[in-house]
C-alpha cells in the first residue's frame, strides 16, 4: 500500500504534553 500519514500538528510543529492523564485529556479535547 501507499500511505498518507496525516500529521495533526503540522501547523504548530509541536507535540502535545502527554505527561499525565489530565494533560492527555486536555490534548484530546483540544484537537
ModelCIF file with pLDDT and N, C-alpha, C, O atoms, coordinates in Angstrom:
data_MODEL
#
_entry.id   MODEL 
#
_entity.id                         1 
_entity.type                       polymer 
_entity.pdbx_number_of_molecules   1 
#
_entity_poly.entity_id                      1 
_entity_poly.type                           'polypeptide(L)' 
_entity_poly.nstd_linkage                   no 
_entity_poly.nstd_monomer                   no 
_entity_poly.pdbx_seq_one_letter_code       
;(UNK)(UNK)(UNK)(UNK)(UNK)(UNK)(UNK)(UNK)(UNK)(UNK)(UNK)(UNK)(UNK)(UNK)(UNK)(UNK)
(UNK)(UNK)(UNK)(UNK)(UNK)(UNK)(UNK)(UNK)(UNK)(UNK)(UNK)(UNK)(UNK)(UNK)(UNK)
;
_entity_poly.pdbx_seq_one_letter_code_can   XXXXXXXXXXXXXXXXXXXXXXXXXXXXXXX 
_entity_poly.pdbx_strand_id                 A 
#
loop_
_entity_poly_seq.entity_id 
_entity_poly_seq.num 
_entity_poly_seq.mon_id 
_entity_poly_seq.hetero 
1 1  UNK n 
1 2  UNK n 
1 3  UNK n 
1 4  UNK n 
1 5  UNK n 
1 6  UNK n 
1 7  UNK n 
1 8  UNK n 
1 9  UNK n 
1 10 UNK n 
1 11 UNK n 
1 12 UNK n 
1 13 UNK n 
1 14 UNK n 
1 15 UNK n 
1 16 UNK n 
1 17 UNK n 
1 18 UNK n 
1 19 UNK n 
1 20 UNK n 
1 21 UNK n 
1 22 UNK n 
1 23 UNK n 
1 24 UNK n 
1 25 UNK n 
1 26 UNK n 
1 27 UNK n 
1 28 UNK n 
1 29 UNK n 
1 30 UNK n 
1 31 UNK n 
#
_struct_asym.id          A 
_struct_asym.entity_id   1 
#
loop_
_ma_qa_metric.id 
_ma_qa_metric.mode 
_ma_qa_metric.name 
_ma_qa_metric.software_group_id 
_ma_qa_metric.type 
1 global pLDDT . pLDDT 
2 local  pLDDT . pLDDT 
#
_ma_qa_metric_global.metric_id      1 
_ma_qa_metric_global.metric_value   91.45 
_ma_qa_metric_global.model_id       1 
_ma_qa_metric_global.ordinal_id     1 
#
loop_
_ma_qa_metric_local.label_asym_id 
_ma_qa_metric_local.label_comp_id 
_ma_qa_metric_local.label_seq_id 
_ma_qa_metric_local.metric_id 
_ma_qa_metric_local.metric_value 
_ma_qa_metric_local.model_id 
_ma_qa_metric_local.ordinal_id 
A UNK 1  2 94.00 1 1  
A UNK 2  2 94.00 1 2  
A UNK 3  2 96.00 1 3  
A UNK 4  2 96.00 1 4  
A UNK 5  2 97.00 1 5  
A UNK 6  2 97.00 1 6  
A UNK 7  2 97.00 1 7  
A UNK 8  2 97.00 1 8  
A UNK 9  2 95.00 1 9  
A UNK 10 2 94.00 1 10 
A UNK 11 2 91.00 1 11 
A UNK 12 2 87.00 1 12 
A UNK 13 2 86.00 1 13 
A UNK 14 2 86.00 1 14 
A UNK 15 2 86.00 1 15 
A UNK 16 2 90.00 1 16 
A UNK 17 2 89.00 1 17 
A UNK 18 2 90.00 1 18 
A UNK 19 2 86.00 1 19 
A UNK 20 2 90.00 1 20 
A UNK 21 2 87.00 1 21 
A UNK 22 2 91.00 1 22 
A UNK 23 2 93.00 1 23 
A UNK 24 2 91.00 1 24 
A UNK 25 2 89.00 1 25 
A UNK 26 2 90.00 1 26 
A UNK 27 2 91.00 1 27 
A UNK 28 2 91.00 1 28 
A UNK 29 2 89.00 1 29 
A UNK 30 2 91.00 1 30 
A UNK 31 2 94.00 1 31 
#
loop_
_atom_site.group_PDB 
_atom_site.id 
_atom_site.type_symbol 
_atom_site.label_atom_id 
_atom_site.label_alt_id 
_atom_site.label_comp_id 
_atom_site.label_asym_id 
_atom_site.label_entity_id 
_atom_site.label_seq_id 
_atom_site.pdbx_PDB_ins_code 
_atom_site.Cartn_x 
_atom_site.Cartn_y 
_atom_site.Cartn_z 
_atom_site.occupancy 
_atom_site.B_iso_or_equiv 
_atom_site.pdbx_formal_charge 
_atom_site.auth_seq_id 
_atom_site.auth_comp_id 
_atom_site.auth_asym_id 
_atom_site.auth_atom_id 
_atom_site.pdbx_PDB_model_num 
ATOM 1   N N  . UNK A 1 1  ? 0.834   -1.200 0.000  1.00 94.00 ? 1  UNK A N  1 
ATOM 2   C CA . UNK A 1 1  ? 0.000   0.000  0.000  1.00 94.00 ? 1  UNK A CA 1 
ATOM 3   C C  . UNK A 1 1  ? 0.868   1.249  0.000  1.00 94.00 ? 1  UNK A C  1 
ATOM 4   O O  . UNK A 1 1  ? 1.955   1.280  0.577  1.00 94.00 ? 1  UNK A O  1 
ATOM 5   N N  . UNK A 1 2  ? 0.359   2.262  -0.658 1.00 94.00 ? 2  UNK A N  1 
ATOM 6   C CA . UNK A 1 2  ? 0.907   3.590  -0.444 1.00 94.00 ? 2  UNK A CA 1 
ATOM 7   C C  . UNK A 1 2  ? 0.210   4.169  0.777  1.00 94.00 ? 2  UNK A C  1 
ATOM 8   O O  . UNK A 1 2  ? -0.947  3.847  1.049  1.00 94.00 ? 2  UNK A O  1 
ATOM 9   N N  . UNK A 1 3  ? 0.915   5.024  1.514  1.00 96.00 ? 3  UNK A N  1 
ATOM 10  C CA . UNK A 1 3  ? 0.377   5.521  2.781  1.00 96.00 ? 3  UNK A CA 1 
ATOM 11  C C  . UNK A 1 3  ? 0.507   7.037  2.845  1.00 96.00 ? 3  UNK A C  1 
ATOM 12  O O  . UNK A 1 3  ? 1.571   7.600  2.588  1.00 96.00 ? 3  UNK A O  1 
ATOM 13  N N  . UNK A 1 4  ? -0.609  7.686  3.196  1.00 96.00 ? 4  UNK A N  1 
ATOM 14  C CA . UNK A 1 4  ? -0.543  9.099  3.554  1.00 96.00 ? 4  UNK A CA 1 
ATOM 15  C C  . UNK A 1 4  ? -0.696  9.197  5.063  1.00 96.00 ? 4  UNK A C  1 
ATOM 16  O O  . UNK A 1 4  ? -1.740  8.850  5.615  1.00 96.00 ? 4  UNK A O  1 
ATOM 17  N N  . UNK A 1 5  ? 0.347   9.671  5.724  1.00 97.00 ? 5  UNK A N  1 
ATOM 18  C CA . UNK A 1 5  ? 0.373   9.779  7.180  1.00 97.00 ? 5  UNK A CA 1 
ATOM 19  C C  . UNK A 1 5  ? 0.001   11.204 7.571  1.00 97.00 ? 5  UNK A C  1 
ATOM 20  O O  . UNK A 1 5  ? 0.785   12.135 7.380  1.00 97.00 ? 5  UNK A O  1 
ATOM 21  N N  . UNK A 1 6  ? -1.193  11.366 8.116  1.00 97.00 ? 6  UNK A N  1 
ATOM 22  C CA . UNK A 1 6  ? -1.670  12.698 8.493  1.00 97.00 ? 6  UNK A CA 1 
ATOM 23  C C  . UNK A 1 6  ? -0.992  13.156 9.780  1.00 97.00 ? 6  UNK A C  1 
ATOM 24  O O  . UNK A 1 6  ? -0.903  12.410 10.756 1.00 97.00 ? 6  UNK A O  1 
ATOM 25  N N  . UNK A 1 7  ? -0.523  14.382 9.760  1.00 97.00 ? 7  UNK A N  1 
ATOM 26  C CA . UNK A 1 7  ? 0.141   14.978 10.933 1.00 97.00 ? 7  UNK A CA 1 
ATOM 27  C C  . UNK A 1 7  ? -0.796  16.026 11.527 1.00 97.00 ? 7  UNK A C  1 
ATOM 28  O O  . UNK A 1 7  ? -0.958  17.109 10.965 1.00 97.00 ? 7  UNK A O  1 
ATOM 29  N N  . UNK A 1 8  ? -1.412  15.702 12.664 1.00 97.00 ? 8  UNK A N  1 
ATOM 30  C CA . UNK A 1 8  ? -2.340  16.638 13.303 1.00 97.00 ? 8  UNK A CA 1 
ATOM 31  C C  . UNK A 1 8  ? -1.655  17.955 13.680 1.00 97.00 ? 8  UNK A C  1 
ATOM 32  O O  . UNK A 1 8  ? -2.301  19.000 13.757 1.00 97.00 ? 8  UNK A O  1 
ATOM 33  N N  . UNK A 1 9  ? -0.349  17.892 13.913 1.00 95.00 ? 9  UNK A N  1 
ATOM 34  C CA . UNK A 1 9  ? 0.382   19.038 14.447 1.00 95.00 ? 9  UNK A CA 1 
ATOM 35  C C  . UNK A 1 9  ? 1.285   19.680 13.391 1.00 95.00 ? 9  UNK A C  1 
ATOM 36  O O  . UNK A 1 9  ? 2.279   20.332 13.712 1.00 95.00 ? 9  UNK A O  1 
ATOM 37  N N  . UNK A 1 10 ? 0.919   19.482 12.139 1.00 94.00 ? 10 UNK A N  1 
ATOM 38  C CA . UNK A 1 10 ? 1.685   20.027 11.024 1.00 94.00 ? 10 UNK A CA 1 
ATOM 39  C C  . UNK A 1 10 ? 1.774   21.548 11.118 1.00 94.00 ? 10 UNK A C  1 
ATOM 40  O O  . UNK A 1 10 ? 2.816   22.131 10.822 1.00 94.00 ? 10 UNK A O  1 
ATOM 41  N N  . UNK A 1 11 ? 0.690   22.181 11.527 1.00 91.00 ? 11 UNK A N  1 
ATOM 42  C CA . UNK A 1 11 ? 0.650   23.637 11.592 1.00 91.00 ? 11 UNK A CA 1 
ATOM 43  C C  . UNK A 1 11 ? 1.567   24.186 12.683 1.00 91.00 ? 11 UNK A C  1 
ATOM 44  O O  . UNK A 1 11 ? 2.320   25.132 12.453 1.00 91.00 ? 11 UNK A O  1 
ATOM 45  N N  . UNK A 1 12 ? 1.499   23.593 13.853 1.00 87.00 ? 12 UNK A N  1 
ATOM 46  C CA . UNK A 1 12 ? 2.213   24.126 15.008 1.00 87.00 ? 12 UNK A CA 1 
ATOM 47  C C  . UNK A 1 12 ? 3.628   23.580 15.138 1.00 87.00 ? 12 UNK A C  1 
ATOM 48  O O  . UNK A 1 12 ? 4.473   24.177 15.804 1.00 87.00 ? 12 UNK A O  1 
ATOM 49  N N  . UNK A 1 13 ? 3.886   22.416 14.485 1.00 86.00 ? 13 UNK A N  1 
ATOM 50  C CA . UNK A 1 13 ? 5.193   21.759 14.569 1.00 86.00 ? 13 UNK A CA 1 
ATOM 51  C C  . UNK A 1 13 ? 5.594   21.464 16.005 1.00 86.00 ? 13 UNK A C  1 
ATOM 52  O O  . UNK A 1 13 ? 6.777   21.459 16.344 1.00 86.00 ? 13 UNK A O  1 
ATOM 53  N N  . UNK A 1 14 ? 4.592   21.219 16.847 1.00 86.00 ? 14 UNK A N  1 
ATOM 54  C CA . UNK A 1 14 ? 4.842   20.857 18.243 1.00 86.00 ? 14 UNK A CA 1 
ATOM 55  C C  . UNK A 1 14 ? 4.015   19.634 18.595 1.00 86.00 ? 14 UNK A C  1 
ATOM 56  O O  . UNK A 1 14 ? 2.971   19.385 17.993 1.00 86.00 ? 14 UNK A O  1 
ATOM 57  N N  . UNK A 1 15 ? 4.489   18.871 19.576 1.00 86.00 ? 15 UNK A N  1 
ATOM 58  C CA . UNK A 1 15 ? 3.754   17.708 20.058 1.00 86.00 ? 15 UNK A CA 1 
ATOM 59  C C  . UNK A 1 15 ? 3.031   18.075 21.350 1.00 86.00 ? 15 UNK A C  1 
ATOM 60  O O  . UNK A 1 15 ? 3.500   18.941 22.088 1.00 86.00 ? 15 UNK A O  1 
ATOM 61  N N  . UNK A 1 16 ? 1.894   17.430 21.639 1.00 90.00 ? 16 UNK A N  1 
ATOM 62  C CA . UNK A 1 16 ? 1.159   17.759 22.859 1.00 90.00 ? 16 UNK A CA 1 
ATOM 63  C C  . UNK A 1 16 ? 1.867   17.245 24.103 1.00 90.00 ? 16 UNK A C  1 
ATOM 64  O O  . UNK A 1 16 ? 2.648   16.297 24.038 1.00 90.00 ? 16 UNK A O  1 
ATOM 65  N N  . UNK A 1 17 ? 1.589   17.874 25.224 1.00 89.00 ? 17 UNK A N  1 
ATOM 66  C CA . UNK A 1 17 ? 2.092   17.431 26.521 1.00 89.00 ? 17 UNK A CA 1 
ATOM 67  C C  . UNK A 1 17 ? 1.210   16.271 26.993 1.00 89.00 ? 17 UNK A C  1 
ATOM 68  O O  . UNK A 1 17 ? 0.026   16.460 27.272 1.00 89.00 ? 17 UNK A O  1 
ATOM 69  N N  . UNK A 1 18 ? 1.791   15.075 27.082 1.00 90.00 ? 18 UNK A N  1 
ATOM 70  C CA . UNK A 1 18 ? 1.048   13.882 27.482 1.00 90.00 ? 18 UNK A CA 1 
ATOM 71  C C  . UNK A 1 18 ? 1.614   13.310 28.779 1.00 90.00 ? 18 UNK A C  1 
ATOM 72  O O  . UNK A 1 18 ? 1.606   12.097 28.989 1.00 90.00 ? 18 UNK A O  1 
ATOM 73  N N  . UNK A 1 19 ? 2.101   14.189 29.638 1.00 86.00 ? 19 UNK A N  1 
ATOM 74  C CA . UNK A 1 19 ? 2.823   13.763 30.831 1.00 86.00 ? 19 UNK A CA 1 
ATOM 75  C C  . UNK A 1 19 ? 1.927   13.266 31.961 1.00 86.00 ? 19 UNK A C  1 
ATOM 76  O O  . UNK A 1 19 ? 2.430   12.722 32.944 1.00 86.00 ? 19 UNK A O  1 
ATOM 77  N N  . UNK A 1 20 ? 0.620   13.441 31.844 1.00 90.00 ? 20 UNK A N  1 
ATOM 78  C CA . UNK A 1 20 ? -0.306  12.983 32.881 1.00 90.00 ? 20 UNK A CA 1 
ATOM 79  C C  . UNK A 1 20 ? -1.650  12.689 32.238 1.00 90.00 ? 20 UNK A C  1 
ATOM 80  O O  . UNK A 1 20 ? -1.930  13.176 31.143 1.00 90.00 ? 20 UNK A O  1 
ATOM 81  N N  . UNK A 1 21 ? -2.494  11.892 32.910 1.00 87.00 ? 21 UNK A N  1 
ATOM 82  C CA . UNK A 1 21 ? -3.842  11.655 32.367 1.00 87.00 ? 21 UNK A CA 1 
ATOM 83  C C  . UNK A 1 21 ? -4.610  12.941 32.114 1.00 87.00 ? 21 UNK A C  1 
ATOM 84  O O  . UNK A 1 21 ? -5.359  13.038 31.142 1.00 87.00 ? 21 UNK A O  1 
ATOM 85  N N  . UNK A 1 22 ? -4.428  13.931 32.983 1.00 91.00 ? 22 UNK A N  1 
ATOM 86  C CA . UNK A 1 22 ? -5.109  15.214 32.792 1.00 91.00 ? 22 UNK A CA 1 
ATOM 87  C C  . UNK A 1 22 ? -4.626  15.903 31.516 1.00 91.00 ? 22 UNK A C  1 
ATOM 88  O O  . UNK A 1 22 ? -5.427  16.444 30.753 1.00 91.00 ? 22 UNK A O  1 
ATOM 89  N N  . UNK A 1 23 ? -3.311  15.879 31.290 1.00 93.00 ? 23 UNK A N  1 
ATOM 90  C CA . UNK A 1 23 ? -2.754  16.505 30.094 1.00 93.00 ? 23 UNK A CA 1 
ATOM 91  C C  . UNK A 1 23 ? -3.218  15.775 28.825 1.00 93.00 ? 23 UNK A C  1 
ATOM 92  O O  . UNK A 1 23 ? -3.490  16.399 27.800 1.00 93.00 ? 23 UNK A O  1 
ATOM 93  N N  . UNK A 1 24 ? -3.302  14.451 28.915 1.00 91.00 ? 24 UNK A N  1 
ATOM 94  C CA . UNK A 1 24 ? -3.781  13.682 27.766 1.00 91.00 ? 24 UNK A CA 1 
ATOM 95  C C  . UNK A 1 24 ? -5.219  14.074 27.436 1.00 91.00 ? 24 UNK A C  1 
ATOM 96  O O  . UNK A 1 24 ? -5.572  14.278 26.274 1.00 91.00 ? 24 UNK A O  1 
ATOM 97  N N  . UNK A 1 25 ? -6.048  14.174 28.490 1.00 89.00 ? 25 UNK A N  1 
ATOM 98  C CA . UNK A 1 25 ? -7.433  14.581 28.287 1.00 89.00 ? 25 UNK A CA 1 
ATOM 99  C C  . UNK A 1 25 ? -7.536  15.960 27.662 1.00 89.00 ? 25 UNK A C  1 
ATOM 100 O O  . UNK A 1 25 ? -8.383  16.195 26.800 1.00 89.00 ? 25 UNK A O  1 
ATOM 101 N N  . UNK A 1 26 ? -6.671  16.876 28.098 1.00 90.00 ? 26 UNK A N  1 
ATOM 102 C CA . UNK A 1 26 ? -6.673  18.227 27.545 1.00 90.00 ? 26 UNK A CA 1 
ATOM 103 C C  . UNK A 1 26 ? -6.257  18.216 26.068 1.00 90.00 ? 26 UNK A C  1 
ATOM 104 O O  . UNK A 1 26 ? -6.808  18.957 25.253 1.00 90.00 ? 26 UNK A O  1 
ATOM 105 N N  . UNK A 1 27 ? -5.283  17.369 25.739 1.00 91.00 ? 27 UNK A N  1 
ATOM 106 C CA . UNK A 1 27 ? -4.833  17.276 24.339 1.00 91.00 ? 27 UNK A CA 1 
ATOM 107 C C  . UNK A 1 27 ? -5.932  16.732 23.441 1.00 91.00 ? 27 UNK A C  1 
ATOM 108 O O  . UNK A 1 27 ? -6.141  17.230 22.334 1.00 91.00 ? 27 UNK A O  1 
ATOM 109 N N  . UNK A 1 28 ? -6.641  15.701 23.921 1.00 91.00 ? 28 UNK A N  1 
ATOM 110 C CA . UNK A 1 28 ? -7.746  15.129 23.152 1.00 91.00 ? 28 UNK A CA 1 
ATOM 111 C C  . UNK A 1 28 ? -8.853  16.165 22.964 1.00 91.00 ? 28 UNK A C  1 
ATOM 112 O O  . UNK A 1 28 ? -9.377  16.333 21.863 1.00 91.00 ? 28 UNK A O  1 
ATOM 113 N N  . UNK A 1 29 ? -9.202  16.855 24.050 1.00 89.00 ? 29 UNK A N  1 
ATOM 114 C CA . UNK A 1 29 ? -10.268 17.860 23.967 1.00 89.00 ? 29 UNK A CA 1 
ATOM 115 C C  . UNK A 1 29 ? -9.873  19.015 23.056 1.00 89.00 ? 29 UNK A C  1 
ATOM 116 O O  . UNK A 1 29 ? -10.732 19.630 22.426 1.00 89.00 ? 29 UNK A O  1 
ATOM 117 N N  . UNK A 1 30 ? -8.573  19.312 22.984 1.00 91.00 ? 30 UNK A N  1 
ATOM 118 C CA . UNK A 1 30 ? -8.120  20.450 22.199 1.00 91.00 ? 30 UNK A CA 1 
ATOM 119 C C  . UNK A 1 30 ? -7.946  20.174 20.725 1.00 91.00 ? 30 UNK A C  1 
ATOM 120 O O  . UNK A 1 30 ? -7.767  21.108 19.943 1.00 91.00 ? 30 UNK A O  1 
ATOM 121 N N  . UNK A 1 31 ? -7.995  18.898 20.319 1.00 94.00 ? 31 UNK A N  1 
ATOM 122 C CA . UNK A 1 31 ? -7.843  18.562 18.908 1.00 94.00 ? 31 UNK A CA 1 
ATOM 123 C C  . UNK A 1 31 ? -9.210  18.612 18.236 1.00 94.00 ? 31 UNK A C  1 
ATOM 124 O O  . UNK A 1 31 ? -9.318  18.360 17.036 1.00 94.00 ? 31 UNK A O  1 
#
